[in-house]
Amino acid sequence: MDNIVEIDSNHSIARFAPDETTLRKAAEEGYRSVVNFRTTDEKQEVAPDEERRIVEEAGLSYLHHPVSPDALDDELVDDFRRSLDELPRPVLLHCASGKRAGAMTLMALAAEQGLDGDAAIAKGRAAGVDLSQEKIGQFVKDYADRKTKA
């Protein structure tokens, strides 16, 4: 599939909101789970309930974990990390552009791997998810720094 960035062998970010065809193709390409970070307030090509049905019919696990950049906090990220740990891998993660999906994935990996904020941002940049100039990138950096000090 085009416009998908592989962060590591278990986590790939779609830099678009997948349609039904793409969701079905995810199963064919070996993904075992799909995570949707879009909120219900966003314009939806495929509504979360419909996306769940499509994904589960294709034999994949599904998680809808809505993230609004304005409401991002440590608890939301920590809840996602716990949910991510339960999902079969590899996982295809998406929002509308890949920024929230990339940020959430990088924070989860930073906490799991003990990466500080600079290392988390660098990991994303190396994979093709450059959040260094994004407001959400500062939250990623700060979250990773807090978790490495905890």
N, C-alpha and C. Protein backbone atom coordinates (compact mmCIF):
# COMPACT_ATOMS: atom_id res chain seq x y z
N MET A 1 0.85 -1.18 0.00
CA MET A 1 0.00 0.00 0.00
C MET A 1 0.89 1.24 0.00
N ASP A 2 0.46 2.23 -0.73
CA ASP A 2 1.22 3.47 -0.83
C ASP A 2 0.93 4.38 0.36
N ASN A 3 1.89 5.24 0.64
CA ASN A 3 1.78 6.27 1.67
C ASN A 3 1.62 5.70 3.08
N ILE A 4 2.29 4.58 3.30
CA ILE A 4 2.35 3.97 4.63
C ILE A 4 3.80 3.96 5.06
N VAL A 5 4.04 4.39 6.29
CA VAL A 5 5.38 4.49 6.84
C VAL A 5 5.57 3.41 7.90
N GLU A 6 6.61 2.63 7.75
CA GLU A 6 6.91 1.59 8.73
C GLU A 6 7.82 2.15 9.81
N ILE A 7 7.31 2.23 11.03
CA ILE A 7 8.11 2.71 12.16
C ILE A 7 9.06 1.60 12.60
N ASP A 8 8.53 0.39 12.70
CA ASP A 8 9.32 -0.81 12.93
C ASP A 8 8.51 -1.98 12.37
N SER A 9 8.98 -3.18 12.55
CA SER A 9 8.30 -4.32 11.92
C SER A 9 6.90 -4.58 12.47
N ASN A 10 6.56 -3.99 13.59
CA ASN A 10 5.25 -4.21 14.20
C ASN A 10 4.29 -3.03 14.12
N HIS A 11 4.78 -1.87 13.67
CA HIS A 11 3.98 -0.65 13.70
C HIS A 11 4.16 0.15 12.42
N SER A 12 3.06 0.31 11.67
CA SER A 12 3.07 1.10 10.44
C SER A 12 2.00 2.18 10.52
N ILE A 13 2.34 3.35 9.99
CA ILE A 13 1.45 4.50 10.03
C ILE A 13 0.93 4.79 8.63
N ALA A 14 -0.40 4.82 8.50
CA ALA A 14 -1.01 5.27 7.25
C ALA A 14 -1.13 6.78 7.32
N ARG A 15 -0.60 7.46 6.31
CA ARG A 15 -0.68 8.93 6.29
C ARG A 15 -1.93 9.39 5.57
N PHE A 16 -3.02 8.67 5.78
CA PHE A 16 -4.32 8.96 5.19
C PHE A 16 -5.36 8.16 5.96
N ALA A 17 -6.61 8.52 5.76
CA ALA A 17 -7.71 7.75 6.35
C ALA A 17 -8.08 6.65 5.36
N PRO A 18 -7.88 5.39 5.72
CA PRO A 18 -8.14 4.30 4.77
C PRO A 18 -9.62 4.14 4.44
N ASP A 19 -9.87 3.76 3.20
CA ASP A 19 -11.22 3.44 2.78
C ASP A 19 -11.43 1.93 2.93
N GLU A 20 -12.59 1.46 2.54
CA GLU A 20 -12.93 0.04 2.72
C GLU A 20 -11.94 -0.86 1.98
N THR A 21 -11.59 -0.51 0.77
CA THR A 21 -10.66 -1.33 -0.01
C THR A 21 -9.30 -1.43 0.69
N THR A 22 -8.81 -0.32 1.18
CA THR A 22 -7.52 -0.32 1.87
C THR A 22 -7.57 -1.14 3.15
N LEU A 23 -8.67 -1.03 3.89
CA LEU A 23 -8.80 -1.81 5.13
C LEU A 23 -8.79 -3.31 4.83
N ARG A 24 -9.48 -3.72 3.79
CA ARG A 24 -9.48 -5.14 3.43
C ARG A 24 -8.09 -5.58 2.95
N LYS A 25 -7.41 -4.70 2.24
CA LYS A 25 -6.07 -5.01 1.74
C LYS A 25 -5.06 -5.15 2.88
N ALA A 26 -5.32 -4.46 3.99
CA ALA A 26 -4.42 -4.55 5.15
C ALA A 26 -4.30 -6.00 5.62
N ALA A 27 -5.40 -6.71 5.62
CA ALA A 27 -5.36 -8.11 6.03
C ALA A 27 -4.54 -8.94 5.05
N GLU A 28 -4.71 -8.67 3.77
CA GLU A 28 -3.96 -9.40 2.74
C GLU A 28 -2.45 -9.13 2.86
N GLU A 29 -2.10 -7.96 3.35
CA GLU A 29 -0.69 -7.60 3.45
C GLU A 29 -0.06 -8.02 4.77
N GLY A 30 -0.82 -8.72 5.60
CA GLY A 30 -0.25 -9.30 6.81
C GLY A 30 -0.48 -8.55 8.10
N TYR A 31 -1.19 -7.43 8.04
CA TYR A 31 -1.50 -6.74 9.30
C TYR A 31 -2.47 -7.59 10.09
N ARG A 32 -2.37 -7.50 11.41
CA ARG A 32 -3.26 -8.29 12.26
C ARG A 32 -4.20 -7.41 13.07
N SER A 33 -3.92 -6.09 13.09
CA SER A 33 -4.76 -5.14 13.82
C SER A 33 -4.76 -3.79 13.12
N VAL A 34 -5.83 -3.04 13.36
CA VAL A 34 -5.95 -1.67 12.86
C VAL A 34 -6.35 -0.78 14.03
N VAL A 35 -5.69 0.38 14.14
CA VAL A 35 -6.03 1.37 15.16
C VAL A 35 -6.42 2.66 14.45
N ASN A 36 -7.57 3.20 14.85
CA ASN A 36 -8.10 4.44 14.29
C ASN A 36 -8.07 5.51 15.39
N PHE A 37 -7.36 6.62 15.14
CA PHE A 37 -7.27 7.72 16.10
C PHE A 37 -8.21 8.88 15.78
N ARG A 38 -9.02 8.75 14.74
CA ARG A 38 -9.90 9.86 14.37
C ARG A 38 -11.06 9.99 15.35
N THR A 39 -11.44 11.22 15.63
CA THR A 39 -12.57 11.46 16.52
C THR A 39 -13.87 11.38 15.72
N THR A 40 -14.96 11.18 16.40
CA THR A 40 -16.25 11.10 15.72
C THR A 40 -16.68 12.46 15.17
N ASP A 41 -16.05 13.55 15.64
CA ASP A 41 -16.36 14.89 15.13
C ASP A 41 -15.76 15.15 13.75
N GLU A 42 -14.77 14.36 13.36
CA GLU A 42 -14.12 14.55 12.08
C GLU A 42 -14.98 13.99 10.95
N LYS A 43 -14.81 14.59 9.76
CA LYS A 43 -15.46 14.04 8.57
C LYS A 43 -14.90 12.63 8.35
N GLN A 44 -15.78 11.68 8.21
CA GLN A 44 -15.36 10.29 8.11
C GLN A 44 -15.66 9.73 6.73
N GLU A 45 -14.65 9.17 6.08
CA GLU A 45 -14.88 8.41 4.86
C GLU A 45 -15.56 7.09 5.23
N VAL A 46 -15.09 6.52 6.33
CA VAL A 46 -15.67 5.30 6.89
C VAL A 46 -15.84 5.55 8.38
N ALA A 47 -17.07 5.54 8.88
CA ALA A 47 -17.34 5.79 10.29
C ALA A 47 -16.69 4.69 11.14
N PRO A 48 -16.30 5.01 12.39
CA PRO A 48 -15.62 4.01 13.23
C PRO A 48 -16.37 2.68 13.38
N ASP A 49 -17.69 2.71 13.53
CA ASP A 49 -18.44 1.45 13.66
C ASP A 49 -18.36 0.63 12.37
N GLU A 50 -18.45 1.31 11.24
CA GLU A 50 -18.34 0.64 9.95
C GLU A 50 -16.91 0.12 9.75
N GLU A 51 -15.94 0.92 10.15
CA GLU A 51 -14.54 0.49 10.04
C GLU A 51 -14.30 -0.77 10.87
N ARG A 52 -14.85 -0.78 12.09
CA ARG A 52 -14.73 -1.97 12.94
C ARG A 52 -15.30 -3.20 12.23
N ARG A 53 -16.47 -3.06 11.65
CA ARG A 53 -17.11 -4.18 10.97
C ARG A 53 -16.24 -4.68 9.82
N ILE A 54 -15.74 -3.77 9.01
CA ILE A 54 -14.91 -4.15 7.85
C ILE A 54 -13.64 -4.86 8.32
N VAL A 55 -12.98 -4.27 9.30
CA VAL A 55 -11.72 -4.82 9.80
C VAL A 55 -11.94 -6.19 10.42
N GLU A 56 -12.96 -6.32 11.24
CA GLU A 56 -13.22 -7.61 11.89
C GLU A 56 -13.67 -8.67 10.90
N GLU A 57 -14.44 -8.28 9.88
CA GLU A 57 -14.82 -9.23 8.82
C GLU A 57 -13.58 -9.74 8.08
N ALA A 58 -12.56 -8.89 8.00
CA ALA A 58 -11.31 -9.28 7.34
C ALA A 58 -10.41 -10.12 8.25
N GLY A 59 -10.88 -10.35 9.48
CA GLY A 59 -10.13 -11.20 10.42
C GLY A 59 -9.11 -10.46 11.27
N LEU A 60 -9.19 -9.14 11.31
CA LEU A 60 -8.25 -8.34 12.08
C LEU A 60 -8.88 -7.85 13.37
N SER A 61 -8.05 -7.49 14.32
CA SER A 61 -8.50 -6.83 15.54
C SER A 61 -8.61 -5.34 15.26
N TYR A 62 -9.48 -4.66 16.02
CA TYR A 62 -9.72 -3.24 15.78
C TYR A 62 -9.75 -2.48 17.09
N LEU A 63 -9.16 -1.29 17.07
CA LEU A 63 -9.22 -0.39 18.21
C LEU A 63 -9.53 1.00 17.70
N HIS A 64 -10.59 1.59 18.24
CA HIS A 64 -10.87 3.01 17.98
C HIS A 64 -10.47 3.76 19.25
N HIS A 65 -9.44 4.57 19.13
CA HIS A 65 -8.90 5.33 20.26
C HIS A 65 -8.83 6.79 19.83
N PRO A 66 -9.97 7.51 19.89
CA PRO A 66 -10.00 8.87 19.36
C PRO A 66 -9.03 9.80 20.09
N VAL A 67 -8.34 10.61 19.30
CA VAL A 67 -7.37 11.56 19.84
C VAL A 67 -7.62 12.92 19.19
N SER A 68 -7.90 13.89 20.02
CA SER A 68 -7.97 15.27 19.57
C SER A 68 -6.69 15.95 20.03
N PRO A 69 -5.92 16.56 19.14
CA PRO A 69 -4.67 17.18 19.55
C PRO A 69 -4.84 18.16 20.71
N ASP A 70 -5.99 18.82 20.78
CA ASP A 70 -6.23 19.79 21.85
C ASP A 70 -6.52 19.13 23.19
N ALA A 71 -6.87 17.86 23.20
CA ALA A 71 -7.21 17.16 24.44
C ALA A 71 -6.18 16.08 24.79
N LEU A 72 -5.01 16.17 24.19
CA LEU A 72 -3.98 15.16 24.40
C LEU A 72 -3.38 15.32 25.80
N ASP A 73 -3.33 14.22 26.55
CA ASP A 73 -2.69 14.24 27.86
C ASP A 73 -2.08 12.87 28.14
N ASP A 74 -1.29 12.78 29.21
CA ASP A 74 -0.58 11.55 29.54
C ASP A 74 -1.53 10.37 29.73
N GLU A 75 -2.68 10.61 30.35
CA GLU A 75 -3.62 9.51 30.61
C GLU A 75 -4.12 8.90 29.30
N LEU A 76 -4.41 9.73 28.32
CA LEU A 76 -4.88 9.24 27.03
C LEU A 76 -3.80 8.38 26.36
N VAL A 77 -2.55 8.82 26.45
CA VAL A 77 -1.44 8.07 25.86
C VAL A 77 -1.23 6.76 26.63
N ASP A 78 -1.25 6.84 27.95
CA ASP A 78 -1.05 5.64 28.76
C ASP A 78 -2.15 4.61 28.50
N ASP A 79 -3.40 5.07 28.36
CA ASP A 79 -4.50 4.15 28.02
C ASP A 79 -4.25 3.48 26.68
N PHE A 80 -3.80 4.27 25.70
CA PHE A 80 -3.49 3.70 24.40
C PHE A 80 -2.38 2.67 24.51
N ARG A 81 -1.34 2.95 25.26
CA ARG A 81 -0.23 2.00 25.40
C ARG A 81 -0.71 0.67 25.95
N ARG A 82 -1.58 0.71 26.94
CA ARG A 82 -2.12 -0.54 27.50
C ARG A 82 -2.93 -1.29 26.44
N SER A 83 -3.73 -0.57 25.67
CA SER A 83 -4.54 -1.21 24.62
C SER A 83 -3.65 -1.78 23.52
N LEU A 84 -2.63 -1.04 23.14
CA LEU A 84 -1.72 -1.48 22.08
C LEU A 84 -1.03 -2.79 22.48
N ASP A 85 -0.69 -2.91 23.74
CA ASP A 85 -0.03 -4.14 24.21
C ASP A 85 -0.89 -5.38 24.01
N GLU A 86 -2.20 -5.19 23.95
CA GLU A 86 -3.13 -6.32 23.81
C GLU A 86 -3.42 -6.70 22.36
N LEU A 87 -3.01 -5.86 21.43
CA LEU A 87 -3.35 -6.10 20.02
C LEU A 87 -2.35 -7.03 19.34
N PRO A 88 -2.85 -7.93 18.49
CA PRO A 88 -1.95 -8.74 17.66
C PRO A 88 -1.17 -7.83 16.70
N ARG A 89 0.06 -8.19 16.47
CA ARG A 89 0.94 -7.39 15.61
C ARG A 89 1.28 -8.18 14.36
N PRO A 90 1.58 -7.48 13.28
CA PRO A 90 1.80 -6.05 13.11
C PRO A 90 0.49 -5.26 13.08
N VAL A 91 0.63 -3.96 13.42
CA VAL A 91 -0.51 -3.06 13.56
C VAL A 91 -0.41 -1.94 12.52
N LEU A 92 -1.52 -1.64 11.87
CA LEU A 92 -1.64 -0.49 11.00
C LEU A 92 -2.39 0.58 11.78
N LEU A 93 -1.76 1.73 11.97
CA LEU A 93 -2.35 2.81 12.77
C LEU A 93 -2.63 3.99 11.86
N HIS A 94 -3.77 4.66 12.07
CA HIS A 94 -4.10 5.79 11.20
C HIS A 94 -4.92 6.85 11.91
N CYS A 95 -4.87 8.04 11.34
CA CYS A 95 -5.79 9.13 11.64
C CYS A 95 -6.17 9.70 10.28
N ALA A 96 -6.09 11.01 10.09
CA ALA A 96 -6.38 11.57 8.77
C ALA A 96 -5.10 11.80 7.98
N SER A 97 -4.03 12.21 8.68
CA SER A 97 -2.78 12.57 7.99
C SER A 97 -1.57 11.77 8.45
N GLY A 98 -1.71 11.04 9.53
CA GLY A 98 -0.60 10.28 10.09
C GLY A 98 0.10 10.97 11.25
N LYS A 99 -0.22 12.23 11.51
CA LYS A 99 0.47 12.95 12.58
C LYS A 99 0.09 12.42 13.96
N ARG A 100 -1.20 12.29 14.23
CA ARG A 100 -1.62 11.74 15.53
C ARG A 100 -1.22 10.29 15.67
N ALA A 101 -1.40 9.52 14.59
CA ALA A 101 -1.02 8.10 14.62
C ALA A 101 0.48 7.97 14.86
N GLY A 102 1.26 8.79 14.18
CA GLY A 102 2.70 8.77 14.38
C GLY A 102 3.09 9.17 15.78
N ALA A 103 2.47 10.23 16.28
CA ALA A 103 2.78 10.71 17.63
C ALA A 103 2.45 9.66 18.68
N MET A 104 1.27 9.09 18.59
CA MET A 104 0.86 8.09 19.59
C MET A 104 1.77 6.87 19.54
N THR A 105 2.11 6.44 18.35
CA THR A 105 2.99 5.28 18.20
C THR A 105 4.38 5.57 18.74
N LEU A 106 4.92 6.73 18.40
CA LEU A 106 6.25 7.09 18.89
C LEU A 106 6.28 7.21 20.41
N MET A 107 5.23 7.74 21.01
CA MET A 107 5.20 7.82 22.48
C MET A 107 5.14 6.43 23.10
N ALA A 108 4.34 5.54 22.51
CA ALA A 108 4.26 4.18 23.04
C ALA A 108 5.62 3.48 22.94
N LEU A 109 6.27 3.62 21.80
CA LEU A 109 7.57 2.98 21.62
C LEU A 109 8.63 3.61 22.49
N ALA A 110 8.58 4.92 22.66
CA ALA A 110 9.56 5.61 23.53
C ALA A 110 9.45 5.09 24.96
N ALA A 111 8.23 4.97 25.46
CA ALA A 111 8.04 4.47 26.82
C ALA A 111 8.49 3.02 26.95
N GLU A 112 8.17 2.21 25.95
CA GLU A 112 8.54 0.79 25.96
C GLU A 112 10.05 0.61 25.86
N GLN A 113 10.71 1.43 25.05
CA GLN A 113 12.14 1.25 24.77
C GLN A 113 13.04 2.17 25.59
N GLY A 114 12.45 3.02 26.43
CA GLY A 114 13.23 3.92 27.25
C GLY A 114 13.89 5.05 26.47
N LEU A 115 13.24 5.48 25.38
CA LEU A 115 13.78 6.57 24.57
C LEU A 115 13.38 7.92 25.15
N ASP A 116 14.33 8.86 25.17
CA ASP A 116 13.97 10.21 25.58
C ASP A 116 13.28 10.92 24.42
N GLY A 117 12.88 12.16 24.66
CA GLY A 117 12.12 12.89 23.65
C GLY A 117 12.86 13.09 22.35
N ASP A 118 14.14 13.46 22.42
CA ASP A 118 14.91 13.67 21.19
C ASP A 118 15.04 12.38 20.40
N ALA A 119 15.26 11.27 21.10
CA ALA A 119 15.40 9.98 20.42
C ALA A 119 14.07 9.55 19.79
N ALA A 120 12.95 9.83 20.46
CA ALA A 120 11.63 9.48 19.92
C ALA A 120 11.36 10.27 18.64
N ILE A 121 11.63 11.56 18.66
CA ILE A 121 11.43 12.41 17.48
C ILE A 121 12.36 11.95 16.35
N ALA A 122 13.60 11.63 16.69
CA ALA A 122 14.56 11.16 15.68
C ALA A 122 14.12 9.84 15.07
N LYS A 123 13.57 8.95 15.89
CA LYS A 123 13.08 7.65 15.38
C LYS A 123 11.97 7.89 14.36
N GLY A 124 11.07 8.79 14.67
CA GLY A 124 10.00 9.11 13.74
C GLY A 124 10.54 9.73 12.46
N ARG A 125 11.44 10.67 12.59
CA ARG A 125 12.01 11.34 11.41
C ARG A 125 12.71 10.33 10.52
N ALA A 126 13.46 9.42 11.11
CA ALA A 126 14.19 8.41 10.34
C ALA A 126 13.24 7.50 9.56
N ALA A 127 12.04 7.29 10.11
CA ALA A 127 11.06 6.41 9.46
C ALA A 127 10.19 7.17 8.46
N GLY A 128 10.24 8.50 8.51
CA GLY A 128 9.42 9.28 7.58
C GLY A 128 8.24 9.98 8.23
N VAL A 129 8.22 10.03 9.56
CA VAL A 129 7.19 10.75 10.30
C VAL A 129 7.89 11.86 11.06
N ASP A 130 8.06 13.00 10.42
CA ASP A 130 8.79 14.11 11.03
C ASP A 130 7.82 15.03 11.76
N LEU A 131 7.83 14.93 13.08
CA LEU A 131 6.95 15.75 13.92
C LEU A 131 7.72 16.90 14.58
N SER A 132 8.97 17.08 14.19
CA SER A 132 9.83 18.04 14.88
C SER A 132 9.32 19.48 14.79
N GLN A 133 8.59 19.81 13.76
CA GLN A 133 8.08 21.18 13.60
C GLN A 133 6.58 21.27 13.91
N GLU A 134 6.01 20.21 14.44
CA GLU A 134 4.58 20.16 14.73
C GLU A 134 4.35 20.39 16.22
N LYS A 135 3.23 21.03 16.56
CA LYS A 135 2.86 21.23 17.97
C LYS A 135 2.80 19.88 18.70
N ILE A 136 2.22 18.88 18.05
CA ILE A 136 2.10 17.56 18.67
C ILE A 136 3.48 16.94 18.91
N GLY A 137 4.46 17.33 18.09
CA GLY A 137 5.83 16.84 18.28
C GLY A 137 6.41 17.26 19.61
N GLN A 138 6.08 18.46 20.06
CA GLN A 138 6.56 18.91 21.37
C GLN A 138 5.96 18.06 22.48
N PHE A 139 4.69 17.68 22.32
CA PHE A 139 4.07 16.81 23.33
C PHE A 139 4.76 15.45 23.33
N VAL A 140 5.06 14.91 22.16
CA VAL A 140 5.78 13.63 22.06
C VAL A 140 7.09 13.72 22.82
N LYS A 141 7.84 14.77 22.55
CA LYS A 141 9.14 14.96 23.19
C LYS A 141 8.99 15.05 24.71
N ASP A 142 8.07 15.87 25.16
CA ASP A 142 7.87 16.06 26.61
C ASP A 142 7.38 14.76 27.28
N TYR A 143 6.47 14.05 26.62
CA TYR A 143 5.95 12.79 27.18
C TYR A 143 7.10 11.78 27.31
N ALA A 144 7.88 11.61 26.26
CA ALA A 144 8.98 10.66 26.31
C ALA A 144 9.98 11.05 27.40
N ASP A 145 10.27 12.32 27.53
CA ASP A 145 11.18 12.78 28.58
C ASP A 145 10.62 12.46 29.96
N ARG A 146 9.32 12.69 30.16
CA ARG A 146 8.70 12.38 31.46
C ARG A 146 8.78 10.89 31.76
N LYS A 147 8.55 10.05 30.76
CA LYS A 147 8.53 8.61 30.97
C LYS A 147 9.94 8.05 31.23
N THR A 148 10.96 8.64 30.62
CA THR A 148 12.32 8.14 30.86
C THR A 148 12.82 8.56 32.23
N LYS A 149 12.23 9.62 32.80
CA LYS A 149 12.63 10.08 34.13
C LYS A 149 11.81 9.41 35.23
N ALA A 150 10.69 8.79 34.84
CA ALA A 150 9.79 8.19 35.84
C ALA A 150 10.37 6.94 36.46
